[in-house]
């Protein structure tokens, strides 16, 4: 038998999870079995909450808040341990009991709400207040056990981000071994319970005393063995060591021999250097400026006489050449030609007149004579007859 029924907006419970149906669904119930065929199914109630929590976890993981490389080691011997939890819960009682039993530390409580709507902001404020405490070494943040709804404050994004920024190592002690909160992921160390957190943070004094006693005994044995070995080595070296006076005498003899050799070497070196210095002094005396100048003057005297004689001969030859050149120049000079009765006629622009055709009647002509010049006017011209 088939039956179709509208189930819009109804909530169905299956395996502890609630699913809200949107749209029309078909109900099939053959032989007493019930089956739903839905068009759309969305998580509701705890399912929606888990989906949002998973999305936040992926977001913070992508930002690197859960990276193992960010995890810090717990201090080996803390003196001040901060606790963020409820002031009236069993968590602080367990932490104090275990811490005081294991060793002497100072427990500083920064009370906060650990469940409810105001719990996330209360935890953040408690961390801010606790970080200002001087000498703080490590922080335990958490609460005792509870349901998933009771632990939601430790899944809040504000709490997770604030824990990631704490300047000292943080131990997450949310007392719920089955489920893991986001604070457990971002903390440096996760503890199963607050008591476990105290055991992780506070070293056991008795155990450490036993370890120190064993180490002290081992150290004493090691030092004793080392001293025995060193004493044996020293005994063997002392047997090999001779009387130091013989060694000093041998070294003194060697020093004396080296001193004699050094003195001889210095004498030879000084003699050689003195001979070289005398030779350089003789060479320097020969190159004294007064000696050099006297020698140069002696060499210059015959050169001066030779220079005067050569200059005289050179002047005589120059005078003969000059006279010959002057006579030749005088023979070619127009002035000598003019002295023989010739004249030079020039136009107004100073060019010499060589042909009668170069002037016309009425032109002014300047005639240069041997002595003086004439300014004439051309009356007429004649051509040379062949």
Protein backbone atom coordinates (compact mmCIF):
# COMPACT_ATOMS: atom_id res chain seq x y z
CA UNK A 1 0.00 0.00 0.00
CA UNK A 2 1.32 3.46 -0.93
CA UNK A 3 0.39 6.66 0.75
CA UNK A 4 1.53 10.20 -0.07
CA UNK A 5 1.51 12.77 2.71
CA UNK A 6 2.73 16.38 2.96
CA UNK A 7 5.46 16.57 5.57
CA UNK A 8 6.65 20.15 4.97
CA UNK A 9 8.27 21.65 8.02
CA UNK A 10 7.99 18.50 10.15
CA UNK A 11 10.96 17.16 12.11
CA UNK A 12 11.84 13.46 11.99
CA UNK A 13 14.10 11.73 14.50
CA UNK A 14 16.40 8.95 13.28
CA UNK A 15 19.40 7.54 15.10
CA UNK A 16 19.31 10.41 17.61
CA UNK A 17 19.58 13.16 14.93
CA UNK A 18 16.76 15.44 13.90
CA UNK A 19 16.18 16.14 10.20
CA UNK A 20 13.77 18.82 8.99
CA UNK A 21 11.90 17.96 5.76
CA UNK A 22 11.27 20.67 3.18
CA UNK A 23 8.91 19.93 0.27
CA UNK A 24 6.57 17.03 -0.37
CA UNK A 25 7.61 13.55 0.73
CA UNK A 26 6.33 10.09 -0.29
CA UNK A 27 5.72 7.52 2.43
CA UNK A 28 6.11 3.87 1.42
CA UNK A 29 5.05 1.27 3.96
CA UNK A 30 4.96 -2.23 2.40
CA UNK A 31 4.73 -5.09 4.90
CA UNK A 32 4.97 -2.81 7.91
CA UNK A 33 8.24 -1.13 6.86
CA UNK A 34 8.34 2.67 6.71
CA UNK A 35 10.43 4.53 4.12
CA UNK A 36 10.59 8.25 3.28
CA UNK A 37 11.56 9.68 -0.07
CA UNK A 38 12.15 13.42 0.48
CA UNK A 39 12.97 16.14 -2.02
CA UNK A 40 15.07 18.25 0.38
CA UNK A 41 16.56 17.35 3.81
CA UNK A 42 18.44 19.78 6.00
CA UNK A 43 20.06 19.20 9.41
CA UNK A 44 18.28 20.74 12.38
CA UNK A 45 18.90 20.92 16.12
CA UNK A 46 22.14 19.16 17.07
CA UNK A 47 22.83 18.40 13.43
CA UNK A 48 22.92 22.09 12.50
CA UNK A 49 25.09 22.82 15.51
CA UNK A 50 27.59 20.11 14.59
CA UNK A 51 27.71 21.36 10.99
CA UNK A 52 28.46 24.92 12.15
CA UNK A 53 31.11 23.58 14.53
CA UNK A 54 32.75 21.59 11.74
CA UNK A 55 32.77 24.64 9.47
CA UNK A 56 34.41 26.74 12.20
CA UNK A 57 36.98 24.02 12.77
CA UNK A 58 37.89 23.95 9.06
CA UNK A 59 38.13 27.76 8.99
CA UNK A 60 40.48 27.95 11.98
CA UNK A 61 42.53 25.04 10.67
CA UNK A 62 43.04 26.82 7.33
CA UNK A 63 44.27 29.87 9.29
CA UNK A 64 46.92 27.67 10.94
CA UNK A 65 45.64 27.90 14.54
CA UNK A 66 45.84 24.12 14.91
CA UNK A 67 49.27 23.78 13.31
CA UNK A 68 51.49 21.47 15.43
CA UNK A 69 54.41 23.82 14.77
CA UNK A 70 52.70 26.41 17.00
CA UNK A 71 52.64 24.08 19.99
CA UNK A 72 54.93 25.14 22.85
CA UNK A 73 56.55 22.90 25.43
CA UNK A 74 55.48 23.17 29.05
CA UNK A 75 57.97 24.74 31.49
CA UNK A 76 60.05 22.23 33.42
CA UNK A 77 59.73 23.89 36.83
CA UNK A 78 56.89 26.43 36.88
CA UNK A 79 56.47 28.64 39.90
CA UNK A 80 53.20 30.41 39.02
CA UNK A 81 50.33 28.41 37.45
CA UNK A 82 47.26 30.31 36.27
CA UNK A 83 43.84 28.62 36.18
CA UNK A 84 40.76 29.77 34.26
CA UNK A 85 37.69 27.90 35.45
CA UNK A 86 34.70 28.25 37.72
CA UNK A 87 35.49 29.34 41.25
CA UNK A 88 32.84 26.98 42.66
CA UNK A 89 33.40 23.89 40.52
CA UNK A 90 35.28 20.69 41.25
CA UNK A 91 37.94 21.51 38.64
CA UNK A 92 39.81 24.10 40.74
CA UNK A 93 39.62 21.79 43.80
CA UNK A 94 41.17 18.90 41.83
CA UNK A 95 43.90 21.10 40.36
CA UNK A 96 44.87 22.57 43.74
CA UNK A 97 44.85 19.15 45.44
CA UNK A 98 47.08 17.51 42.83
CA UNK A 99 49.41 20.52 42.48
CA UNK A 100 50.05 20.87 46.22
CA UNK A 101 50.58 17.13 46.56
CA UNK A 102 53.17 17.04 43.75
CA UNK A 103 55.13 20.18 44.58
CA UNK A 104 55.16 23.74 45.87
CA UNK A 105 53.72 26.09 43.23
CA UNK A 106 51.56 29.19 43.36
CA UNK A 107 48.06 28.67 41.96
CA UNK A 108 46.41 31.86 40.65
CA UNK A 109 42.69 31.49 39.89
CA UNK A 110 41.02 33.81 37.40
CA UNK A 111 37.33 32.80 37.83
CA UNK A 112 35.06 32.58 34.81
CA UNK A 113 31.72 31.15 33.75
CA UNK A 114 32.24 27.82 32.00
CA UNK A 115 28.77 27.27 30.54
CA UNK A 116 25.90 29.37 29.33
CA UNK A 117 25.53 32.24 26.87
CA UNK A 118 27.87 34.55 28.78
CA UNK A 119 30.58 31.94 29.29
CA UNK A 120 32.72 32.69 26.16
CA UNK A 121 33.14 36.38 26.99
CA UNK A 122 33.75 35.51 30.66
CA UNK A 123 36.56 33.11 29.69
CA UNK A 124 38.16 35.72 27.38
CA UNK A 125 38.02 38.34 30.16
CA UNK A 126 39.55 35.88 32.65
CA UNK A 127 42.44 35.17 30.26
CA UNK A 128 43.05 38.90 29.76
CA UNK A 129 43.09 39.42 33.52
CA UNK A 130 45.37 36.45 34.15
CA UNK A 131 47.94 37.42 31.53
CA UNK A 132 48.64 40.63 33.44
CA UNK A 133 49.77 38.67 36.50
CA UNK A 134 53.57 39.00 36.97
CA UNK A 135 55.73 35.88 36.74
CA UNK A 136 53.07 33.74 35.06
CA UNK A 137 54.57 30.50 33.64
CA UNK A 138 51.65 28.42 32.35
CA UNK A 139 47.82 28.50 32.21
CA UNK A 140 45.25 25.73 32.69
CA UNK A 141 41.87 26.51 31.14
CA UNK A 142 38.88 24.18 31.37
CA UNK A 143 36.15 22.68 33.53
CA UNK A 144 34.87 19.36 34.80
CA UNK A 145 32.79 16.95 32.78
CA UNK A 146 29.43 17.74 31.21
CA UNK A 147 27.18 17.27 28.21
CA UNK A 148 27.99 18.56 24.74
CA UNK A 149 25.83 21.63 25.35
CA UNK A 150 27.78 22.33 28.57
CA UNK A 151 31.08 22.29 26.64
CA UNK A 152 30.00 24.65 23.84
CA UNK A 153 31.69 27.65 25.49
CA UNK A 154 35.05 26.03 24.70
CA UNK A 155 34.04 25.76 21.02
CA UNK A 156 33.33 29.47 20.75
CA UNK A 157 35.48 31.26 18.17
CA UNK A 158 36.29 34.11 20.59
CA UNK A 159 37.65 31.69 23.17
CA UNK A 160 39.67 29.72 20.61
CA UNK A 161 41.29 32.82 19.13
CA UNK A 162 42.07 34.25 22.57
CA UNK A 163 43.74 31.00 23.68
CA UNK A 164 45.90 31.09 20.52
CA UNK A 165 47.22 34.53 21.53
CA UNK A 166 48.20 33.71 25.12
CA UNK A 167 51.88 34.54 25.72
CA UNK A 168 52.57 31.45 27.88
CA UNK A 169 51.83 27.75 27.20
CA UNK A 170 48.19 26.73 27.67
CA UNK A 171 46.84 23.36 28.85
CA UNK A 172 43.25 22.60 27.88
CA UNK A 173 41.57 20.63 30.67
CA UNK A 174 37.97 20.22 29.52
CA UNK A 175 36.94 17.13 31.47
CA UNK A 176 35.32 15.16 28.68
CA UNK A 177 37.41 12.32 27.27
CA UNK A 178 34.99 11.37 24.48
CA UNK A 179 34.42 14.65 22.68
CA UNK A 180 37.16 17.11 21.74
CA UNK A 181 36.56 20.85 21.82
CA UNK A 182 38.23 23.44 19.59
CA UNK A 183 40.06 24.73 22.66
CA UNK A 184 41.72 21.31 22.92
CA UNK A 185 42.93 21.71 19.33
CA UNK A 186 44.36 25.21 19.73
CA UNK A 187 45.95 24.68 23.18
CA UNK A 188 49.59 23.67 23.45
CA UNK A 189 48.74 20.51 25.47
CA UNK A 190 45.42 18.72 25.99
CA UNK A 191 44.65 17.03 29.31
CA UNK A 192 41.85 14.54 29.83
CA UNK A 193 40.78 16.06 33.16
CA UNK A 194 41.77 19.01 35.38
CA UNK A 195 43.64 16.58 37.64
CA UNK A 196 45.57 15.29 34.64
CA UNK A 197 46.38 18.89 33.70
CA UNK A 198 47.85 19.52 37.15
CA UNK A 199 49.96 16.38 36.83
CA UNK A 200 51.27 17.56 33.45
CA UNK A 201 52.07 21.07 34.65
CA UNK A 202 53.43 20.50 38.17
CA UNK A 203 56.39 18.11 38.42
CA UNK A 204 56.32 15.59 41.27
CA UNK A 205 58.75 16.76 43.96
CA UNK A 206 59.33 13.28 45.37
CA UNK A 207 59.99 11.81 41.94
CA UNK A 208 62.34 14.65 41.07
CA UNK A 209 64.14 14.19 44.40
CA UNK A 210 64.67 10.49 43.63
CA UNK A 211 65.95 11.34 40.15
CA UNK A 212 68.30 13.98 41.58
CA UNK A 213 69.57 11.49 44.18
CA UNK A 214 70.29 8.91 41.49
CA UNK A 215 71.99 11.53 39.36
CA UNK A 216 74.04 12.68 42.34
CA UNK A 217 75.23 9.15 43.05
CA UNK A 218 76.09 8.65 39.40
CA UNK A 219 77.96 11.96 39.37
CA UNK A 220 79.93 11.06 42.50
CA UNK A 221 80.91 7.70 41.00
CA UNK A 222 81.88 9.33 37.69
CA UNK A 223 83.97 12.02 39.42
CA UNK A 224 85.67 9.41 41.62
CA UNK A 225 86.54 7.28 38.61
CA UNK A 226 87.84 10.32 36.75
CA UNK A 227 89.99 11.39 39.68
CA UNK A 228 91.41 7.86 39.98
CA UNK A 229 92.28 7.81 36.29
CA UNK A 230 93.88 11.26 36.51
CA UNK A 231 95.91 10.18 39.55
CA UNK A 232 97.18 7.13 37.68
CA UNK A 233 98.14 9.24 34.66
CA UNK A 234 99.85 11.78 36.91
CA UNK A 235 101.85 9.02 38.61
CA UNK A 236 103.04 7.67 35.27
CA UNK A 237 104.02 11.14 34.05
CA UNK A 238 105.83 11.90 37.28
CA UNK A 239 107.91 8.73 36.90
CA UNK A 240 108.90 9.80 33.40
CA UNK A 241 109.78 13.35 34.40
CA UNK A 242 113.55 13.92 35.10
CA UNK A 243 115.14 16.35 37.53
CA UNK A 244 114.28 19.81 36.11
CA UNK A 245 117.77 21.11 36.98
CA UNK A 246 119.33 18.90 34.27
CA UNK A 247 116.82 20.16 31.71
CA UNK A 248 117.54 23.75 32.73
CA UNK A 249 121.32 23.18 32.48
CA UNK A 250 120.96 21.73 28.99
CA UNK A 251 118.83 24.65 27.89
CA UNK A 252 121.29 27.11 29.45
CA UNK A 253 124.18 25.59 27.47
CA UNK A 254 122.15 25.81 24.28
CA UNK A 255 121.35 29.45 25.05
CA UNK A 256 125.08 30.21 25.58
CA UNK A 257 126.01 28.61 22.24
CA UNK A 258 123.29 30.51 20.44
CA UNK A 259 124.43 33.74 22.10
CA UNK A 260 128.03 33.25 20.87
CA UNK A 261 126.84 32.45 17.36
CA UNK A 262 124.61 35.51 17.39
CA UNK A 263 127.46 37.79 18.49
CA UNK A 264 129.73 36.48 15.72
CA UNK A 265 127.00 36.86 13.16
CA UNK A 266 126.38 40.42 14.31
CA UNK A 267 130.10 41.30 14.07
CA UNK A 268 130.34 39.98 10.51
CA UNK A 269 127.17 41.76 9.56
CA UNK A 270 128.32 45.06 11.07
CA UNK A 271 131.73 44.81 9.30
CA UNK A 272 130.04 44.12 5.97
CA UNK A 273 127.55 46.93 6.48
CA UNK A 274 130.38 49.39 7.44
CA UNK A 275 132.33 48.55 4.25
CA UNK A 276 129.23 49.09 2.15
CA UNK A 277 128.57 52.37 3.98
CA UNK A 278 132.13 53.61 3.31
CA UNK A 279 131.81 52.77 -0.39
CA UNK A 280 128.51 54.61 -0.59
CA UNK A 281 130.09 57.61 1.21
CA UNK A 282 132.93 57.74 -1.35
CA UNK A 283 130.46 57.58 -4.21
CA UNK A 284 128.36 60.26 -2.60
CA UNK A 285 131.40 62.54 -2.10
CA UNK A 286 132.28 62.16 -5.79
CA UNK A 287 128.72 63.24 -6.65
CA UNK A 288 128.75 66.27 -4.30
CA UNK A 289 127.10 69.30 -5.96
CA UNK A 290 130.23 71.48 -5.64
CA UNK A 291 132.38 68.85 -7.33
CA UNK A 292 129.83 68.32 -10.07
CA UNK A 293 129.50 72.10 -10.69
CA UNK A 294 133.30 72.58 -10.80
CA UNK A 295 133.70 69.76 -13.28
CA UNK A 296 130.90 71.16 -15.43
CA UNK A 297 132.47 74.65 -15.43
CA UNK A 298 135.81 73.19 -16.53
CA UNK A 299 134.06 71.41 -19.37
CA UNK A 300 132.14 74.59 -20.36
CA UNK A 301 135.20 76.88 -20.82
CA UNK A 302 136.49 75.40 -24.14
CA UNK A 303 132.89 75.03 -25.27
CA UNK A 304 132.31 78.78 -24.82
CA UNK A 305 135.33 79.64 -27.03
CA UNK A 306 134.24 77.15 -29.65
CA UNK A 307 130.71 78.52 -29.53
CA UNK A 308 131.94 82.13 -30.03
CA UNK A 309 134.13 81.10 -33.00
CA UNK A 310 131.29 79.12 -34.57
CA UNK A 311 128.85 82.00 -34.11
CA UNK A 312 131.35 84.41 -35.73
CA UNK A 313 131.81 82.16 -38.75
CA UNK A 314 128.08 81.66 -39.02
CA UNK A 315 127.49 85.44 -38.97
CA UNK A 316 130.12 86.04 -41.68
CA UNK A 317 128.50 83.50 -43.95
CA UNK A 318 125.09 84.99 -43.24
CA UNK A 319 126.33 88.49 -44.04
CA UNK A 320 127.76 87.30 -47.43
CA UNK A 321 124.52 85.58 -48.33
CA UNK A 322 122.53 88.61 -47.27
CA UNK A 323 124.65 90.96 -49.40
CA UNK A 324 124.33 88.73 -52.42
CA UNK A 325 120.59 88.40 -51.97
CA UNK A 326 120.23 92.17 -51.53
CA UNK A 327 122.11 92.86 -54.77
CA UNK A 328 119.95 90.38 -56.62
CA UNK A 329 116.81 91.85 -55.11
CA UNK A 330 117.94 95.35 -55.96
CA UNK A 331 118.50 94.30 -59.56
CA UNK A 332 114.94 93.01 -59.72
CA UNK A 333 113.37 95.93 -57.87
CA UNK A 334 111.09 98.25 -59.88
CA UNK A 335 112.75 101.18 -58.19
CA UNK A 336 116.04 100.38 -59.88
CA UNK A 337 114.21 100.20 -63.19
CA UNK A 338 112.66 103.59 -62.50
CA UNK A 339 116.12 104.99 -61.82
CA UNK A 340 116.99 104.22 -65.40
CA UNK A 341 114.23 106.57 -66.71
CA UNK A 342 111.25 104.23 -66.76
CA UNK A 343 107.89 105.01 -65.21
CA UNK A 344 104.89 102.95 -63.95
CA UNK A 345 101.37 104.06 -64.83
CA UNK A 346 98.47 102.97 -62.58
CA UNK A 347 94.73 103.54 -62.69
CA UNK A 348 92.68 104.95 -59.90
CA UNK A 349 92.18 101.50 -58.34
CA UNK A 350 95.99 101.01 -58.12
CA UNK A 351 96.30 98.37 -60.88
CA UNK A 352 99.25 98.83 -63.28
CA UNK A 353 98.43 99.75 -66.86
CA UNK A 354 100.18 97.43 -69.29
CA UNK A 355 98.23 98.14 -72.51
CA UNK A 356 96.88 101.33 -73.96
CA UNK A 357 93.54 99.68 -74.49
CA UNK A 358 93.04 99.51 -70.72
CA UNK A 359 92.35 103.33 -70.53
CA UNK A 360 90.23 105.74 -72.47
CA UNK A 361 90.48 109.42 -73.23
CA UNK A 362 89.73 111.54 -70.16
CA UNK A 363 90.80 108.86 -67.60
CA UNK A 364 92.98 109.98 -64.74
CA UNK A 365 96.23 108.07 -64.55
CA UNK A 366 98.97 108.15 -61.91
CA UNK A 367 102.51 107.86 -63.22
CA UNK A 368 105.20 106.68 -60.72
CA UNK A 369 108.72 108.02 -61.45
CA UNK A 370 112.07 107.30 -59.78
CA UNK A 371 111.51 110.31 -57.62
CA UNK A 372 107.90 111.36 -57.13
CA UNK A 373 104.74 110.71 -59.19
CA UNK A 374 102.57 112.49 -61.79
CA UNK A 375 98.76 112.75 -62.06
CA UNK A 376 97.84 113.00 -65.76
CA UNK A 377 94.68 112.90 -67.83
CA UNK A 378 94.61 110.68 -70.91
CA UNK A 379 94.14 112.73 -74.05
CA UNK A 380 94.38 109.82 -76.43
CA UNK A 381 95.78 106.33 -76.82
CA UNK A 382 98.01 104.70 -79.46
CA UNK A 383 98.50 101.07 -80.19
CA UNK A 384 101.98 99.73 -80.90
CA UNK A 385 102.53 99.18 -84.57
CA UNK A 386 104.06 95.90 -85.55
